[in-house]
């Protein structure tokens, strides 16, 4: 049996799996620069937290949540669900997202990008 190492070592497979997807959907390459591992870890944690929020708020299967998943069309969210998701995101990151900004977010990738932008 191999030694799994520290908790930061455990995030590497997660990051390795999602890196090509994040790049394909327009996330900045700087997050994947080996020198900037803090940014990479932050982006992976953001995606993981948003995924957990969507699973909890929308009662969707974890396999249905991916970067290109659209909240309404793919995950079955209605307008009240969207409000609940935005509220959960605001609580998780202790921030406020104005309505006009929230209306522009329709996919998981857009939600991750918004959080990353706000938290910079």
N, C-alpha and C. Protein backbone atom coordinates (compact mmCIF):
# COMPACT_ATOMS: atom_id res chain seq x y z
N UNK A 1 0.84 -1.18 0.00
CA UNK A 1 0.00 0.00 0.00
C UNK A 1 0.89 1.24 0.00
N UNK A 2 0.55 2.20 -0.83
CA UNK A 2 1.36 3.41 -0.92
C UNK A 2 0.92 4.43 0.10
N UNK A 3 1.84 5.26 0.51
CA UNK A 3 1.56 6.33 1.45
C UNK A 3 0.89 7.47 0.69
N UNK A 4 -0.29 7.89 1.15
CA UNK A 4 -1.04 8.93 0.47
C UNK A 4 -0.49 10.33 0.76
N UNK A 5 0.30 10.49 1.81
CA UNK A 5 0.92 11.78 2.08
C UNK A 5 0.00 12.75 2.77
N UNK A 6 0.28 14.03 2.59
CA UNK A 6 -0.47 15.08 3.26
C UNK A 6 -1.76 15.37 2.53
N UNK A 7 -2.62 16.18 3.16
CA UNK A 7 -3.89 16.54 2.52
C UNK A 7 -3.65 17.31 1.23
N UNK A 8 -2.57 18.11 1.15
CA UNK A 8 -2.30 18.83 -0.10
C UNK A 8 -1.92 17.86 -1.21
N UNK A 9 -1.27 16.73 -0.84
CA UNK A 9 -0.95 15.71 -1.84
C UNK A 9 -2.22 15.07 -2.38
N UNK A 10 -3.27 14.99 -1.57
CA UNK A 10 -4.51 14.37 -1.99
C UNK A 10 -5.25 15.20 -3.02
N UNK A 11 -5.02 16.51 -3.06
CA UNK A 11 -5.71 17.36 -4.03
C UNK A 11 -5.09 17.25 -5.43
N UNK A 12 -3.88 16.73 -5.53
CA UNK A 12 -3.20 16.65 -6.83
C UNK A 12 -3.99 15.85 -7.86
N UNK A 13 -4.52 14.66 -7.53
CA UNK A 13 -5.30 13.93 -8.54
C UNK A 13 -6.53 14.72 -8.99
N UNK A 14 -7.16 15.41 -8.07
CA UNK A 14 -8.32 16.24 -8.39
C UNK A 14 -7.93 17.33 -9.38
N UNK A 15 -6.83 18.01 -9.09
CA UNK A 15 -6.35 19.08 -9.96
C UNK A 15 -5.93 18.53 -11.31
N UNK A 16 -5.21 17.40 -11.31
CA UNK A 16 -4.77 16.80 -12.57
C UNK A 16 -5.96 16.43 -13.45
N UNK A 17 -7.03 15.95 -12.84
CA UNK A 17 -8.21 15.55 -13.60
C UNK A 17 -8.91 16.77 -14.21
N UNK A 18 -9.07 17.85 -13.41
CA UNK A 18 -9.85 18.98 -13.88
C UNK A 18 -9.05 20.02 -14.68
N UNK A 19 -7.71 19.97 -14.61
CA UNK A 19 -6.91 20.97 -15.30
C UNK A 19 -7.24 21.07 -16.79
N UNK A 20 -7.29 19.96 -17.55
CA UNK A 20 -7.60 20.10 -18.98
C UNK A 20 -9.00 20.67 -19.22
N UNK A 21 -9.94 20.33 -18.35
CA UNK A 21 -11.30 20.87 -18.49
C UNK A 21 -11.32 22.36 -18.22
N UNK A 22 -10.63 22.77 -17.17
CA UNK A 22 -10.59 24.20 -16.84
C UNK A 22 -9.95 25.00 -17.96
N UNK A 23 -8.87 24.50 -18.51
CA UNK A 23 -8.20 25.18 -19.62
C UNK A 23 -9.11 25.22 -20.84
N UNK A 24 -9.79 24.11 -21.11
CA UNK A 24 -10.68 24.05 -22.28
C UNK A 24 -11.82 25.05 -22.18
N UNK A 25 -12.24 25.37 -20.95
CA UNK A 25 -13.34 26.30 -20.77
C UNK A 25 -12.89 27.72 -20.46
N UNK A 26 -11.63 28.00 -20.76
CA UNK A 26 -11.16 29.37 -20.72
C UNK A 26 -10.62 29.88 -19.40
N UNK A 27 -10.36 28.99 -18.46
CA UNK A 27 -9.76 29.45 -17.22
C UNK A 27 -8.31 29.81 -17.48
N UNK A 28 -7.81 30.81 -16.79
CA UNK A 28 -6.45 31.26 -17.05
C UNK A 28 -5.40 30.20 -16.74
N UNK A 29 -4.44 30.08 -17.62
CA UNK A 29 -3.37 29.10 -17.43
C UNK A 29 -2.52 29.42 -16.21
N UNK A 30 -2.49 30.67 -15.78
CA UNK A 30 -1.66 31.03 -14.64
C UNK A 30 -2.01 30.21 -13.42
N UNK A 31 -3.26 29.77 -13.32
CA UNK A 31 -3.67 28.97 -12.17
C UNK A 31 -2.99 27.62 -12.16
N UNK A 32 -2.44 27.20 -13.30
CA UNK A 32 -1.83 25.89 -13.38
C UNK A 32 -0.32 25.94 -13.51
N UNK A 33 0.22 27.13 -13.35
CA UNK A 33 1.66 27.27 -13.35
C UNK A 33 2.22 26.60 -12.10
N UNK A 34 3.22 25.74 -12.23
CA UNK A 34 3.76 25.06 -11.06
C UNK A 34 4.23 26.01 -9.96
N UNK A 35 4.60 27.22 -10.34
CA UNK A 35 5.07 28.19 -9.36
C UNK A 35 3.90 28.71 -8.52
N UNK A 36 2.71 28.71 -9.10
CA UNK A 36 1.54 29.29 -8.44
C UNK A 36 0.59 28.19 -7.96
N UNK A 37 1.09 27.29 -7.14
CA UNK A 37 0.26 26.19 -6.68
C UNK A 37 -0.84 26.66 -5.74
N UNK A 38 -0.66 27.76 -5.06
CA UNK A 38 -1.71 28.28 -4.18
C UNK A 38 -2.95 28.65 -5.00
N UNK A 39 -2.76 29.30 -6.15
CA UNK A 39 -3.89 29.66 -7.01
C UNK A 39 -4.55 28.41 -7.56
N UNK A 40 -3.76 27.43 -7.93
CA UNK A 40 -4.30 26.19 -8.45
C UNK A 40 -5.14 25.48 -7.39
N UNK A 41 -4.62 25.41 -6.18
CA UNK A 41 -5.36 24.77 -5.09
C UNK A 41 -6.63 25.53 -4.77
N UNK A 42 -6.57 26.86 -4.84
CA UNK A 42 -7.76 27.67 -4.56
C UNK A 42 -8.84 27.40 -5.60
N UNK A 43 -8.45 27.32 -6.87
CA UNK A 43 -9.42 27.08 -7.93
C UNK A 43 -10.06 25.70 -7.79
N UNK A 44 -9.26 24.71 -7.44
CA UNK A 44 -9.79 23.36 -7.24
C UNK A 44 -10.75 23.34 -6.05
N UNK A 45 -10.39 24.04 -4.98
CA UNK A 45 -11.29 24.10 -3.80
C UNK A 45 -12.58 24.83 -4.14
N UNK A 46 -12.49 25.89 -4.94
CA UNK A 46 -13.69 26.62 -5.35
C UNK A 46 -14.62 25.71 -6.13
N UNK A 47 -14.09 24.98 -7.08
CA UNK A 47 -14.89 24.05 -7.87
C UNK A 47 -15.52 22.99 -6.97
N UNK A 48 -14.76 22.47 -6.04
CA UNK A 48 -15.28 21.44 -5.14
C UNK A 48 -16.41 21.99 -4.27
N UNK A 49 -16.25 23.20 -3.74
CA UNK A 49 -17.28 23.80 -2.89
C UNK A 49 -18.55 24.09 -3.69
N UNK A 50 -18.39 24.63 -4.90
CA UNK A 50 -19.57 24.91 -5.73
C UNK A 50 -20.28 23.61 -6.09
N UNK A 51 -19.52 22.59 -6.40
CA UNK A 51 -20.12 21.28 -6.70
C UNK A 51 -20.94 20.80 -5.51
N UNK A 52 -20.39 20.89 -4.31
CA UNK A 52 -21.11 20.46 -3.11
C UNK A 52 -22.38 21.28 -2.88
N UNK A 53 -22.31 22.58 -3.13
CA UNK A 53 -23.49 23.44 -3.00
C UNK A 53 -24.57 23.01 -3.98
N UNK A 54 -24.18 22.74 -5.22
CA UNK A 54 -25.16 22.33 -6.23
C UNK A 54 -25.78 20.98 -5.88
N UNK A 55 -24.98 20.06 -5.39
CA UNK A 55 -25.51 18.75 -4.99
C UNK A 55 -26.53 18.92 -3.87
N UNK A 56 -26.19 19.76 -2.90
CA UNK A 56 -27.08 19.97 -1.75
C UNK A 56 -28.34 20.76 -2.14
N UNK A 57 -28.16 21.86 -2.84
CA UNK A 57 -29.29 22.73 -3.15
C UNK A 57 -30.23 22.18 -4.23
N UNK A 58 -29.66 21.48 -5.21
CA UNK A 58 -30.48 21.00 -6.34
C UNK A 58 -30.78 19.51 -6.27
N UNK A 59 -30.21 18.83 -5.28
CA UNK A 59 -30.40 17.37 -5.14
C UNK A 59 -30.07 16.64 -6.43
N UNK A 60 -28.94 17.01 -7.02
CA UNK A 60 -28.50 16.36 -8.26
C UNK A 60 -27.46 15.31 -7.94
N UNK A 61 -27.29 14.40 -8.86
CA UNK A 61 -26.26 13.38 -8.74
C UNK A 61 -24.90 14.04 -8.93
N UNK A 62 -23.90 13.70 -8.12
CA UNK A 62 -22.57 14.31 -8.28
C UNK A 62 -22.02 14.16 -9.70
N UNK A 63 -22.36 13.08 -10.37
CA UNK A 63 -21.87 12.87 -11.73
C UNK A 63 -22.47 13.82 -12.75
N UNK A 64 -23.56 14.48 -12.39
CA UNK A 64 -24.20 15.44 -13.29
C UNK A 64 -23.53 16.81 -13.26
N UNK A 65 -22.75 17.05 -12.21
CA UNK A 65 -22.12 18.37 -12.05
C UNK A 65 -20.75 18.34 -12.71
N UNK A 66 -20.61 19.18 -13.73
CA UNK A 66 -19.33 19.34 -14.43
C UNK A 66 -19.22 20.80 -14.82
N UNK A 67 -18.07 21.20 -15.27
CA UNK A 67 -17.87 22.61 -15.59
C UNK A 67 -18.84 23.16 -16.62
N UNK A 68 -19.16 22.36 -17.62
CA UNK A 68 -20.04 22.88 -18.67
C UNK A 68 -21.52 22.75 -18.33
N UNK A 69 -21.85 22.15 -17.18
CA UNK A 69 -23.26 21.97 -16.80
C UNK A 69 -23.94 23.32 -16.62
N UNK A 70 -25.10 23.44 -17.26
CA UNK A 70 -25.91 24.65 -17.15
C UNK A 70 -26.91 24.43 -16.01
N UNK A 71 -27.10 25.43 -15.18
CA UNK A 71 -27.95 25.29 -14.00
C UNK A 71 -29.38 24.89 -14.37
N UNK A 72 -29.97 25.58 -15.32
CA UNK A 72 -31.37 25.34 -15.67
C UNK A 72 -31.51 24.12 -16.59
N UNK A 73 -30.84 24.15 -17.71
CA UNK A 73 -31.03 23.13 -18.73
C UNK A 73 -30.49 21.75 -18.31
N UNK A 74 -29.33 21.71 -17.68
CA UNK A 74 -28.69 20.43 -17.36
C UNK A 74 -28.95 19.94 -15.94
N UNK A 75 -29.06 20.88 -15.00
CA UNK A 75 -29.23 20.49 -13.60
C UNK A 75 -30.65 20.68 -13.09
N UNK A 76 -31.53 21.20 -13.95
CA UNK A 76 -32.95 21.28 -13.63
C UNK A 76 -33.33 22.36 -12.62
N UNK A 77 -32.52 23.37 -12.46
CA UNK A 77 -32.82 24.43 -11.50
C UNK A 77 -33.90 25.35 -12.04
N UNK A 78 -34.78 25.80 -11.13
CA UNK A 78 -35.74 26.84 -11.49
C UNK A 78 -35.27 28.14 -10.85
N UNK A 79 -36.04 29.20 -10.99
CA UNK A 79 -35.59 30.51 -10.50
C UNK A 79 -35.38 30.51 -8.99
N UNK A 80 -36.21 29.81 -8.24
CA UNK A 80 -36.02 29.74 -6.79
C UNK A 80 -34.76 28.96 -6.43
N UNK A 81 -34.48 27.91 -7.20
CA UNK A 81 -33.25 27.14 -6.97
C UNK A 81 -32.03 28.01 -7.20
N UNK A 82 -32.07 28.83 -8.24
CA UNK A 82 -30.94 29.71 -8.54
C UNK A 82 -30.69 30.68 -7.38
N UNK A 83 -31.77 31.23 -6.84
CA UNK A 83 -31.64 32.14 -5.69
C UNK A 83 -31.01 31.39 -4.51
N UNK A 84 -31.43 30.16 -4.27
CA UNK A 84 -30.87 29.37 -3.17
C UNK A 84 -29.39 29.07 -3.40
N UNK A 85 -29.02 28.76 -4.64
CA UNK A 85 -27.62 28.49 -4.96
C UNK A 85 -26.77 29.74 -4.75
N UNK A 86 -27.23 30.87 -5.25
CA UNK A 86 -26.50 32.13 -5.08
C UNK A 86 -26.37 32.47 -3.60
N UNK A 87 -27.44 32.28 -2.83
CA UNK A 87 -27.39 32.55 -1.39
C UNK A 87 -26.38 31.65 -0.69
N UNK A 88 -26.34 30.38 -1.09
CA UNK A 88 -25.39 29.43 -0.49
C UNK A 88 -23.95 29.83 -0.84
N UNK A 89 -23.73 30.27 -2.07
CA UNK A 89 -22.40 30.73 -2.48
C UNK A 89 -22.00 31.96 -1.67
N UNK A 90 -22.94 32.89 -1.51
CA UNK A 90 -22.65 34.09 -0.74
C UNK A 90 -22.28 33.74 0.71
N UNK A 91 -23.01 32.80 1.31
CA UNK A 91 -22.70 32.39 2.68
C UNK A 91 -21.34 31.69 2.76
N UNK A 92 -21.07 30.81 1.80
CA UNK A 92 -19.83 30.04 1.82
C UNK A 92 -18.60 30.94 1.74
N UNK A 93 -18.67 31.97 0.90
CA UNK A 93 -17.51 32.86 0.72
C UNK A 93 -17.66 34.20 1.44
N UNK A 94 -18.76 34.36 2.20
CA UNK A 94 -18.99 35.60 2.94
C UNK A 94 -18.88 36.82 2.03
N UNK A 95 -19.68 36.83 0.98
CA UNK A 95 -19.68 37.93 0.03
C UNK A 95 -21.10 38.19 -0.44
N UNK A 96 -21.26 39.25 -1.20
CA UNK A 96 -22.56 39.58 -1.76
C UNK A 96 -22.44 39.69 -3.28
N UNK A 97 -23.34 39.02 -3.98
CA UNK A 97 -23.35 39.05 -5.44
C UNK A 97 -24.60 39.81 -5.86
N UNK A 98 -24.42 40.91 -6.59
CA UNK A 98 -25.59 41.69 -7.00
C UNK A 98 -26.39 40.93 -8.05
N UNK A 99 -27.65 41.29 -8.17
CA UNK A 99 -28.57 40.56 -9.05
C UNK A 99 -28.13 40.56 -10.50
N UNK A 100 -27.62 41.68 -10.99
CA UNK A 100 -27.22 41.74 -12.41
C UNK A 100 -26.05 40.79 -12.68
N UNK A 101 -25.15 40.66 -11.73
CA UNK A 101 -24.03 39.72 -11.88
C UNK A 101 -24.53 38.29 -11.80
N UNK A 102 -25.39 38.01 -10.84
CA UNK A 102 -25.93 36.66 -10.67
C UNK A 102 -26.67 36.19 -11.92
N UNK A 103 -27.37 37.09 -12.59
CA UNK A 103 -28.13 36.73 -13.79
C UNK A 103 -27.22 36.30 -14.94
N UNK A 104 -25.98 36.73 -14.94
CA UNK A 104 -25.04 36.38 -16.02
C UNK A 104 -24.40 35.01 -15.82
N UNK A 105 -24.56 34.44 -14.64
CA UNK A 105 -23.94 33.15 -14.32
C UNK A 105 -24.94 32.04 -14.61
N UNK A 106 -24.63 31.21 -15.60
CA UNK A 106 -25.57 30.14 -15.95
C UNK A 106 -24.93 28.75 -15.98
N UNK A 107 -23.61 28.67 -15.78
CA UNK A 107 -22.93 27.38 -15.79
C UNK A 107 -22.02 27.26 -14.55
N UNK A 108 -21.60 26.05 -14.28
CA UNK A 108 -20.67 25.81 -13.18
C UNK A 108 -19.37 26.57 -13.43
N UNK A 109 -18.86 26.51 -14.65
CA UNK A 109 -17.61 27.20 -14.98
C UNK A 109 -17.73 28.70 -14.74
N UNK A 110 -18.85 29.29 -15.10
CA UNK A 110 -19.05 30.72 -14.88
C UNK A 110 -19.10 31.05 -13.39
N UNK A 111 -19.69 30.17 -12.59
CA UNK A 111 -19.75 30.38 -11.14
C UNK A 111 -18.35 30.33 -10.54
N UNK A 112 -17.56 29.35 -10.96
CA UNK A 112 -16.18 29.24 -10.46
C UNK A 112 -15.40 30.48 -10.84
N UNK A 113 -15.51 30.91 -12.09
CA UNK A 113 -14.78 32.10 -12.56
C UNK A 113 -15.21 33.34 -11.78
N UNK A 114 -16.49 33.48 -11.50
CA UNK A 114 -16.97 34.64 -10.75
C UNK A 114 -16.38 34.66 -9.35
N UNK A 115 -16.41 33.54 -8.66
CA UNK A 115 -15.85 33.48 -7.30
C UNK A 115 -14.36 33.79 -7.33
N UNK A 116 -13.66 33.22 -8.29
CA UNK A 116 -12.22 33.49 -8.41
C UNK A 116 -11.95 34.97 -8.64
N UNK A 117 -12.78 35.60 -9.47
CA UNK A 117 -12.61 37.03 -9.76
C UNK A 117 -12.88 37.88 -8.53
N UNK A 118 -13.95 37.58 -7.82
CA UNK A 118 -14.33 38.36 -6.64
C UNK A 118 -13.29 38.20 -5.53
N UNK A 119 -12.76 37.00 -5.38
CA UNK A 119 -11.85 36.71 -4.27
C UNK A 119 -10.40 37.09 -4.54
N UNK A 120 -10.08 37.58 -5.71
CA UNK A 120 -8.70 37.99 -6.00
C UNK A 120 -8.29 39.17 -5.19
